[in-house]
mmCIF file of all heavy atoms, coordinates in Angstrom:
data_MODEL
# 
_entry.id   MODEL 
# 
loop_
_atom_site.group_PDB 
_atom_site.id 
_atom_site.type_symbol 
_atom_site.label_atom_id 
_atom_site.label_alt_id 
_atom_site.label_comp_id 
_atom_site.label_asym_id 
_atom_site.label_entity_id 
_atom_site.label_seq_id 
_atom_site.pdbx_PDB_ins_code 
_atom_site.Cartn_x 
_atom_site.Cartn_y 
_atom_site.Cartn_z 
_atom_site.occupancy 
_atom_site.B_iso_or_equiv 
_atom_site.pdbx_formal_charge 
_atom_site.auth_seq_id 
_atom_site.auth_comp_id 
_atom_site.auth_asym_id 
_atom_site.auth_atom_id 
_atom_site.pdbx_PDB_model_num 
ATOM 1   N N   . PHE A 1 1  ? -95.302  -20.851 34.412 1.00 0.00 ? 1  PHE A N   1 
ATOM 2   C CA  . PHE A 1 1  ? -96.685  -20.502 34.694 1.00 0.00 ? 1  PHE A CA  1 
ATOM 3   C C   . PHE A 1 1  ? -97.643  -21.299 33.803 1.00 0.00 ? 1  PHE A C   1 
ATOM 4   O O   . PHE A 1 1  ? -98.686  -21.790 34.247 1.00 0.00 ? 1  PHE A O   1 
ATOM 5   C CB  . PHE A 1 1  ? -96.911  -18.990 34.497 1.00 0.00 ? 1  PHE A CB  1 
ATOM 6   C CG  . PHE A 1 1  ? -96.157  -18.145 35.444 1.00 0.00 ? 1  PHE A CG  1 
ATOM 7   C CD1 . PHE A 1 1  ? -95.406  -17.070 34.989 1.00 0.00 ? 1  PHE A CD1 1 
ATOM 8   C CD2 . PHE A 1 1  ? -96.176  -18.367 36.811 1.00 0.00 ? 1  PHE A CD2 1 
ATOM 9   C CE1 . PHE A 1 1  ? -94.722  -16.227 35.859 1.00 0.00 ? 1  PHE A CE1 1 
ATOM 10  C CE2 . PHE A 1 1  ? -95.488  -17.579 37.688 1.00 0.00 ? 1  PHE A CE2 1 
ATOM 11  C CZ  . PHE A 1 1  ? -94.741  -16.509 37.226 1.00 0.00 ? 1  PHE A CZ  1 
ATOM 12  N N   . ALA A 1 2  ? -97.257  -21.380 32.490 1.00 0.00 ? 2  ALA A N   1 
ATOM 13  C CA  . ALA A 1 2  ? -98.086  -22.144 31.583 1.00 0.00 ? 2  ALA A CA  1 
ATOM 14  C C   . ALA A 1 2  ? -98.138  -23.617 31.960 1.00 0.00 ? 2  ALA A C   1 
ATOM 15  O O   . ALA A 1 2  ? -99.155  -24.282 31.832 1.00 0.00 ? 2  ALA A O   1 
ATOM 16  C CB  . ALA A 1 2  ? -97.537  -21.966 30.155 1.00 0.00 ? 2  ALA A CB  1 
ATOM 17  N N   . GLY A 1 3  ? -97.010  -24.162 32.439 1.00 0.00 ? 3  GLY A N   1 
ATOM 18  C CA  . GLY A 1 3  ? -96.964  -25.552 32.858 1.00 0.00 ? 3  GLY A CA  1 
ATOM 19  C C   . GLY A 1 3  ? -97.882  -25.809 34.041 1.00 0.00 ? 3  GLY A C   1 
ATOM 20  O O   . GLY A 1 3  ? -98.557  -26.833 34.118 1.00 0.00 ? 3  GLY A O   1 
ATOM 21  N N   . CYS A 1 4  ? -97.884  -24.889 35.002 1.00 0.00 ? 4  CYS A N   1 
ATOM 22  C CA  . CYS A 1 4  ? -98.778  -25.029 36.168 1.00 0.00 ? 4  CYS A CA  1 
ATOM 23  C C   . CYS A 1 4  ? -100.231 -25.055 35.739 1.00 0.00 ? 4  CYS A C   1 
ATOM 24  O O   . CYS A 1 4  ? -101.044 -25.891 36.196 1.00 0.00 ? 4  CYS A O   1 
ATOM 25  C CB  . CYS A 1 4  ? -98.556  -23.870 37.149 1.00 0.00 ? 4  CYS A CB  1 
ATOM 26  S SG  . CYS A 1 4  ? -96.999  -23.910 38.029 1.00 0.00 ? 4  CYS A SG  1 
ATOM 27  N N   . ALA A 1 5  ? -100.578 -24.152 34.818 1.00 0.00 ? 5  ALA A N   1 
ATOM 28  C CA  . ALA A 1 5  ? -101.945 -24.107 34.337 1.00 0.00 ? 5  ALA A CA  1 
ATOM 29  C C   . ALA A 1 5  ? -102.316 -25.342 33.553 1.00 0.00 ? 5  ALA A C   1 
ATOM 30  O O   . ALA A 1 5  ? -103.448 -25.869 33.682 1.00 0.00 ? 5  ALA A O   1 
ATOM 31  C CB  . ALA A 1 5  ? -102.129 -22.844 33.455 1.00 0.00 ? 5  ALA A CB  1 
ATOM 32  N N   . ALA A 1 6  ? -101.407 -25.868 32.759 1.00 0.00 ? 6  ALA A N   1 
ATOM 33  C CA  . ALA A 1 6  ? -101.661 -27.051 31.957 1.00 0.00 ? 6  ALA A CA  1 
ATOM 34  C C   . ALA A 1 6  ? -101.880 -28.276 32.878 1.00 0.00 ? 6  ALA A C   1 
ATOM 35  O O   . ALA A 1 6  ? -102.795 -29.090 32.623 1.00 0.00 ? 6  ALA A O   1 
ATOM 36  C CB  . ALA A 1 6  ? -100.497 -27.337 31.005 1.00 0.00 ? 6  ALA A CB  1 
ATOM 37  N N   . LEU A 1 7  ? -101.076 -28.405 33.924 1.00 0.00 ? 7  LEU A N   1 
ATOM 38  C CA  . LEU A 1 7  ? -101.236 -29.511 34.850 1.00 0.00 ? 7  LEU A CA  1 
ATOM 39  C C   . LEU A 1 7  ? -102.586 -29.391 35.622 1.00 0.00 ? 7  LEU A C   1 
ATOM 40  O O   . LEU A 1 7  ? -103.256 -30.387 35.864 1.00 0.00 ? 7  LEU A O   1 
ATOM 41  C CB  . LEU A 1 7  ? -100.082 -29.559 35.843 1.00 0.00 ? 7  LEU A CB  1 
ATOM 42  C CG  . LEU A 1 7  ? -98.732  -29.967 35.263 1.00 0.00 ? 7  LEU A CG  1 
ATOM 43  C CD1 . LEU A 1 7  ? -97.630  -29.819 36.279 1.00 0.00 ? 7  LEU A CD1 1 
ATOM 44  C CD2 . LEU A 1 7  ? -98.779  -31.423 34.752 1.00 0.00 ? 7  LEU A CD2 1 
ATOM 45  N N   . ALA A 1 8  ? -102.910 -28.186 36.006 1.00 0.00 ? 8  ALA A N   1 
ATOM 46  C CA  . ALA A 1 8  ? -104.157 -27.962 36.734 1.00 0.00 ? 8  ALA A CA  1 
ATOM 47  C C   . ALA A 1 8  ? -105.380 -28.346 35.882 1.00 0.00 ? 8  ALA A C   1 
ATOM 48  O O   . ALA A 1 8  ? -106.299 -29.006 36.340 1.00 0.00 ? 8  ALA A O   1 
ATOM 49  C CB  . ALA A 1 8  ? -104.261 -26.500 37.199 1.00 0.00 ? 8  ALA A CB  1 
ATOM 50  N N   . GLU A 1 9  ? -105.314 -27.976 34.619 1.00 0.00 ? 9  GLU A N   1 
ATOM 51  C CA  . GLU A 1 9  ? -106.434 -28.300 33.686 1.00 0.00 ? 9  GLU A CA  1 
ATOM 52  C C   . GLU A 1 9  ? -106.459 -29.819 33.422 1.00 0.00 ? 9  GLU A C   1 
ATOM 53  O O   . GLU A 1 9  ? -107.512 -30.447 33.446 1.00 0.00 ? 9  GLU A O   1 
ATOM 54  C CB  . GLU A 1 9  ? -106.306 -27.526 32.415 1.00 0.00 ? 9  GLU A CB  1 
ATOM 55  C CG  . GLU A 1 9  ? -107.414 -27.837 31.391 1.00 0.00 ? 9  GLU A CG  1 
ATOM 56  C CD  . GLU A 1 9  ? -107.183 -27.102 30.076 1.00 0.00 ? 9  GLU A CD  1 
ATOM 57  O OE1 . GLU A 1 9  ? -106.055 -26.767 29.762 1.00 0.00 ? 9  GLU A OE1 1 
ATOM 58  O OE2 . GLU A 1 9  ? -108.167 -26.920 29.352 1.00 0.00 ? 9  GLU A OE2 1 
ATOM 59  N N   . GLY A 1 10 ? -105.293 -30.377 33.159 1.00 0.00 ? 10 GLY A N   1 
ATOM 60  C CA  . GLY A 1 10 ? -105.216 -31.777 32.788 1.00 0.00 ? 10 GLY A CA  1 
ATOM 61  C C   . GLY A 1 10 ? -105.659 -32.708 33.910 1.00 0.00 ? 10 GLY A C   1 
ATOM 62  O O   . GLY A 1 10 ? -106.283 -33.774 33.640 1.00 0.00 ? 10 GLY A O   1 
ATOM 63  N N   . PHE A 1 11 ? -105.365 -32.332 35.140 1.00 0.00 ? 11 PHE A N   1 
ATOM 64  C CA  . PHE A 1 11 ? -105.737 -33.194 36.284 1.00 0.00 ? 11 PHE A CA  1 
ATOM 65  C C   . PHE A 1 11 ? -107.056 -32.748 36.920 1.00 0.00 ? 11 PHE A C   1 
ATOM 66  O O   . PHE A 1 11 ? -107.449 -33.254 37.990 1.00 0.00 ? 11 PHE A O   1 
ATOM 67  C CB  . PHE A 1 11 ? -104.655 -33.173 37.355 1.00 0.00 ? 11 PHE A CB  1 
ATOM 68  C CG  . PHE A 1 11 ? -103.487 -34.105 36.996 1.00 0.00 ? 11 PHE A CG  1 
ATOM 69  C CD1 . PHE A 1 11 ? -102.433 -33.651 36.244 1.00 0.00 ? 11 PHE A CD1 1 
ATOM 70  C CD2 . PHE A 1 11 ? -103.487 -35.432 37.413 1.00 0.00 ? 11 PHE A CD2 1 
ATOM 71  C CE1 . PHE A 1 11 ? -101.367 -34.481 35.929 1.00 0.00 ? 11 PHE A CE1 1 
ATOM 72  C CE2 . PHE A 1 11 ? -102.455 -36.286 37.101 1.00 0.00 ? 11 PHE A CE2 1 
ATOM 73  C CZ  . PHE A 1 11 ? -101.382 -35.809 36.374 1.00 0.00 ? 11 PHE A CZ  1 
ATOM 74  N N   . GLN A 1 12 ? -107.737 -31.776 36.288 1.00 0.00 ? 12 GLN A N   1 
ATOM 75  C CA  . GLN A 1 12 ? -109.091 -31.358 36.674 1.00 0.00 ? 12 GLN A CA  1 
ATOM 76  C C   . GLN A 1 12 ? -109.100 -30.926 38.135 1.00 0.00 ? 12 GLN A C   1 
ATOM 77  O O   . GLN A 1 12 ? -109.963 -31.388 38.955 1.00 0.00 ? 12 GLN A O   1 
ATOM 78  C CB  . GLN A 1 12 ? -110.102 -32.502 36.474 1.00 0.00 ? 12 GLN A CB  1 
ATOM 79  C CG  . GLN A 1 12 ? -110.179 -33.014 35.030 1.00 0.00 ? 12 GLN A CG  1 
ATOM 80  C CD  . GLN A 1 12 ? -111.111 -34.176 34.879 1.00 0.00 ? 12 GLN A CD  1 
ATOM 81  O OE1 . GLN A 1 12 ? -112.034 -34.375 35.679 1.00 0.00 ? 12 GLN A OE1 1 
ATOM 82  N NE2 . GLN A 1 12 ? -110.939 -34.947 33.819 1.00 0.00 ? 12 GLN A NE2 1 
ATOM 83  N N   . LEU A 1 13 ? -108.204 -30.038 38.484 1.00 0.00 ? 13 LEU A N   1 
ATOM 84  C CA  . LEU A 1 13 ? -108.154 -29.548 39.874 1.00 0.00 ? 13 LEU A CA  1 
ATOM 85  C C   . LEU A 1 13 ? -109.334 -28.599 40.136 1.00 0.00 ? 13 LEU A C   1 
ATOM 86  O O   . LEU A 1 13 ? -109.688 -27.773 39.312 1.00 0.00 ? 13 LEU A O   1 
ATOM 87  C CB  . LEU A 1 13 ? -106.827 -28.815 40.107 1.00 0.00 ? 13 LEU A CB  1 
ATOM 88  C CG  . LEU A 1 13 ? -105.530 -29.535 39.831 1.00 0.00 ? 13 LEU A CG  1 
ATOM 89  C CD1 . LEU A 1 13 ? -104.366 -28.748 40.405 1.00 0.00 ? 13 LEU A CD1 1 
ATOM 90  C CD2 . LEU A 1 13 ? -105.564 -30.941 40.456 1.00 0.00 ? 13 LEU A CD2 1 
ATOM 91  N N   . ALA A 1 14 ? -109.896 -28.782 41.344 1.00 0.00 ? 14 ALA A N   1 
ATOM 92  C CA  . ALA A 1 14 ? -110.943 -27.850 41.793 1.00 0.00 ? 14 ALA A CA  1 
ATOM 93  C C   . ALA A 1 14 ? -110.263 -26.673 42.496 1.00 0.00 ? 14 ALA A C   1 
ATOM 94  O O   . ALA A 1 14 ? -109.428 -26.846 43.362 1.00 0.00 ? 14 ALA A O   1 
ATOM 95  C CB  . ALA A 1 14 ? -111.886 -28.577 42.747 1.00 0.00 ? 14 ALA A CB  1 
ATOM 96  N N   . GLY A 1 15 ? -110.647 -25.446 42.122 1.00 0.00 ? 15 GLY A N   1 
ATOM 97  C CA  . GLY A 1 15 ? -110.015 -24.275 42.718 1.00 0.00 ? 15 GLY A CA  1 
ATOM 98  C C   . GLY A 1 15 ? -108.651 -24.017 42.143 1.00 0.00 ? 15 GLY A C   1 
ATOM 99  O O   . GLY A 1 15 ? -108.248 -24.633 41.145 1.00 0.00 ? 15 GLY A O   1 
ATOM 100 N N   . HIS A 1 16 ? -107.959 -23.076 42.756 1.00 0.00 ? 16 HIS A N   1 
ATOM 101 C CA  . HIS A 1 16 ? -106.631 -22.656 42.211 1.00 0.00 ? 16 HIS A CA  1 
ATOM 102 C C   . HIS A 1 16 ? -105.483 -22.869 43.187 1.00 0.00 ? 16 HIS A C   1 
ATOM 103 O O   . HIS A 1 16 ? -104.366 -22.463 42.890 1.00 0.00 ? 16 HIS A O   1 
ATOM 104 C CB  . HIS A 1 16 ? -106.733 -21.194 41.803 1.00 0.00 ? 16 HIS A CB  1 
ATOM 105 C CG  . HIS A 1 16 ? -107.798 -20.885 40.802 1.00 0.00 ? 16 HIS A CG  1 
ATOM 106 N ND1 . HIS A 1 16 ? -107.672 -21.229 39.475 1.00 0.00 ? 16 HIS A ND1 1 
ATOM 107 C CD2 . HIS A 1 16 ? -109.018 -20.366 40.934 1.00 0.00 ? 16 HIS A CD2 1 
ATOM 108 C CE1 . HIS A 1 16 ? -108.778 -20.892 38.820 1.00 0.00 ? 16 HIS A CE1 1 
ATOM 109 N NE2 . HIS A 1 16 ? -109.616 -20.352 39.688 1.00 0.00 ? 16 HIS A NE2 1 
ATOM 110 N N   . ARG A 1 17 ? -105.759 -23.491 44.315 1.00 0.00 ? 17 ARG A N   1 
ATOM 111 C CA  . ARG A 1 17 ? -104.684 -23.714 45.290 1.00 0.00 ? 17 ARG A CA  1 
ATOM 112 C C   . ARG A 1 17 ? -103.622 -24.643 44.688 1.00 0.00 ? 17 ARG A C   1 
ATOM 113 O O   . ARG A 1 17 ? -102.416 -24.494 44.966 1.00 0.00 ? 17 ARG A O   1 
ATOM 114 C CB  . ARG A 1 17 ? -105.250 -24.287 46.597 1.00 0.00 ? 17 ARG A CB  1 
ATOM 115 C CG  . ARG A 1 17 ? -104.195 -24.428 47.698 1.00 0.00 ? 17 ARG A CG  1 
ATOM 116 C CD  . ARG A 1 17 ? -104.787 -24.959 48.953 1.00 0.00 ? 17 ARG A CD  1 
ATOM 117 N NE  . ARG A 1 17 ? -105.520 -23.939 49.683 1.00 0.00 ? 17 ARG A NE  1 
ATOM 118 C CZ  . ARG A 1 17 ? -106.817 -23.976 49.945 1.00 0.00 ? 17 ARG A CZ  1 
ATOM 119 N NH1 . ARG A 1 17 ? -107.540 -25.012 49.546 1.00 0.00 ? 17 ARG A NH1 1 
ATOM 120 N NH2 . ARG A 1 17 ? -107.422 -22.987 50.604 1.00 0.00 ? 17 ARG A NH2 1 
ATOM 121 N N   . GLY A 1 18 ? -104.034 -25.610 43.900 1.00 0.00 ? 18 GLY A N   1 
ATOM 122 C CA  . GLY A 1 18 ? -103.126 -26.609 43.349 1.00 0.00 ? 18 GLY A CA  1 
ATOM 123 C C   . GLY A 1 18 ? -102.013 -26.012 42.536 1.00 0.00 ? 18 GLY A C   1 
ATOM 124 O O   . GLY A 1 18 ? -100.823 -26.335 42.742 1.00 0.00 ? 18 GLY A O   1 
ATOM 125 N N   . GLU A 1 19 ? -102.334 -25.131 41.577 1.00 0.00 ? 19 GLU A N   1 
ATOM 126 C CA  . GLU A 1 19 ? -101.298 -24.586 40.738 1.00 0.00 ? 19 GLU A CA  1 
ATOM 127 C C   . GLU A 1 19 ? -100.379 -23.618 41.504 1.00 0.00 ? 19 GLU A C   1 
ATOM 128 O O   . GLU A 1 19 ? -99.176  -23.494 41.211 1.00 0.00 ? 19 GLU A O   1 
ATOM 129 C CB  . GLU A 1 19 ? -101.862 -23.897 39.505 1.00 0.00 ? 19 GLU A CB  1 
ATOM 130 C CG  . GLU A 1 19 ? -102.970 -22.885 39.738 1.00 0.00 ? 19 GLU A CG  1 
ATOM 131 C CD  . GLU A 1 19 ? -104.315 -23.520 39.516 1.00 0.00 ? 19 GLU A CD  1 
ATOM 132 O OE1 . GLU A 1 19 ? -104.611 -24.557 40.133 1.00 0.00 ? 19 GLU A OE1 1 
ATOM 133 O OE2 . GLU A 1 19 ? -105.124 -22.967 38.733 1.00 0.00 ? 19 GLU A OE2 1 
ATOM 134 N N   . ILE A 1 20 ? -100.909 -22.944 42.540 1.00 0.00 ? 20 ILE A N   1 
ATOM 135 C CA  . ILE A 1 20 ? -100.077 -22.092 43.367 1.00 0.00 ? 20 ILE A CA  1 
ATOM 136 C C   . ILE A 1 20 ? -99.085  -22.898 44.147 1.00 0.00 ? 20 ILE A C   1 
ATOM 137 O O   . ILE A 1 20 ? -97.914  -22.560 44.257 1.00 0.00 ? 20 ILE A O   1 
ATOM 138 C CB  . ILE A 1 20 ? -100.963 -21.238 44.305 1.00 0.00 ? 20 ILE A CB  1 
ATOM 139 C CG1 . ILE A 1 20 ? -101.812 -20.233 43.477 1.00 0.00 ? 20 ILE A CG1 1 
ATOM 140 C CG2 . ILE A 1 20 ? -100.091 -20.472 45.305 1.00 0.00 ? 20 ILE A CG2 1 
ATOM 141 C CD1 . ILE A 1 20 ? -102.785 -19.439 44.264 1.00 0.00 ? 20 ILE A CD1 1 
ATOM 142 N N   . VAL A 1 21 ? -99.577  -24.039 44.750 1.00 0.00 ? 21 VAL A N   1 
ATOM 143 C CA  . VAL A 1 21 ? -98.648  -24.929 45.459 1.00 0.00 ? 21 VAL A CA  1 
ATOM 144 C C   . VAL A 1 21 ? -97.599  -25.488 44.499 1.00 0.00 ? 21 VAL A C   1 
ATOM 145 O O   . VAL A 1 21 ? -96.438  -25.613 44.843 1.00 0.00 ? 21 VAL A O   1 
ATOM 146 C CB  . VAL A 1 21 ? -99.427  -26.026 46.132 1.00 0.00 ? 21 VAL A CB  1 
ATOM 147 C CG1 . VAL A 1 21 ? -98.487  -27.119 46.680 1.00 0.00 ? 21 VAL A CG1 1 
ATOM 148 C CG2 . VAL A 1 21 ? -100.297 -25.491 47.259 1.00 0.00 ? 21 VAL A CG2 1 
ATOM 149 N N   . LEU A 1 22 ? -98.021  -25.877 43.292 1.00 0.00 ? 22 LEU A N   1 
ATOM 150 C CA  . LEU A 1 22 ? -97.084  -26.399 42.308 1.00 0.00 ? 22 LEU A CA  1 
ATOM 151 C C   . LEU A 1 22 ? -95.939  -25.415 42.085 1.00 0.00 ? 22 LEU A C   1 
ATOM 152 O O   . LEU A 1 22 ? -94.759  -25.795 42.089 1.00 0.00 ? 22 LEU A O   1 
ATOM 153 C CB  . LEU A 1 22 ? -97.791  -26.621 40.976 1.00 0.00 ? 22 LEU A CB  1 
ATOM 154 C CG  . LEU A 1 22 ? -98.424  -27.986 40.702 1.00 0.00 ? 22 LEU A CG  1 
ATOM 155 C CD1 . LEU A 1 22 ? -99.338  -27.898 39.487 1.00 0.00 ? 22 LEU A CD1 1 
ATOM 156 C CD2 . LEU A 1 22 ? -97.349  -29.025 40.491 1.00 0.00 ? 22 LEU A CD2 1 
ATOM 157 N N   . LEU A 1 23 ? -96.272  -24.160 41.867 1.00 0.00 ? 23 LEU A N   1 
ATOM 158 C CA  . LEU A 1 23 ? -95.233  -23.163 41.592 1.00 0.00 ? 23 LEU A CA  1 
ATOM 159 C C   . LEU A 1 23 ? -94.339  -22.946 42.768 1.00 0.00 ? 23 LEU A C   1 
ATOM 160 O O   . LEU A 1 23 ? -93.113  -22.898 42.653 1.00 0.00 ? 23 LEU A O   1 
ATOM 161 C CB  . LEU A 1 23 ? -95.901  -21.845 41.182 1.00 0.00 ? 23 LEU A CB  1 
ATOM 162 C CG  . LEU A 1 23 ? -94.978  -20.696 40.823 1.00 0.00 ? 23 LEU A CG  1 
ATOM 163 C CD1 . LEU A 1 23 ? -94.099  -21.084 39.642 1.00 0.00 ? 23 LEU A CD1 1 
ATOM 164 C CD2 . LEU A 1 23 ? -95.750  -19.401 40.548 1.00 0.00 ? 23 LEU A CD2 1 
ATOM 165 N N   . ARG A 1 24 ? -94.922  -22.832 43.997 1.00 0.00 ? 24 ARG A N   1 
ATOM 166 C CA  . ARG A 1 24 ? -94.098  -22.575 45.161 1.00 0.00 ? 24 ARG A CA  1 
ATOM 167 C C   . ARG A 1 24 ? -93.182  -23.797 45.455 1.00 0.00 ? 24 ARG A C   1 
ATOM 168 O O   . ARG A 1 24 ? -92.017  -23.596 45.826 1.00 0.00 ? 24 ARG A O   1 
ATOM 169 C CB  . ARG A 1 24 ? -94.996  -22.345 46.362 1.00 0.00 ? 24 ARG A CB  1 
ATOM 170 C CG  . ARG A 1 24 ? -95.711  -20.991 46.345 1.00 0.00 ? 24 ARG A CG  1 
ATOM 171 C CD  . ARG A 1 24 ? -96.728  -20.859 47.450 1.00 0.00 ? 24 ARG A CD  1 
ATOM 172 N NE  . ARG A 1 24 ? -97.251  -19.479 47.513 1.00 0.00 ? 24 ARG A NE  1 
ATOM 173 C CZ  . ARG A 1 24 ? -98.311  -19.156 48.227 1.00 0.00 ? 24 ARG A CZ  1 
ATOM 174 N NH1 . ARG A 1 24 ? -98.982  -20.093 48.940 1.00 0.00 ? 24 ARG A NH1 1 
ATOM 175 N NH2 . ARG A 1 24 ? -98.745  -17.902 48.269 1.00 0.00 ? 24 ARG A NH2 1 
# 
């Protein structure tokens, strides 16, 4: 979970769909 959040922040993702897709 922490890794998903770190990638989302580092790549400046808009919204939260990206980290959810990452995890799935």
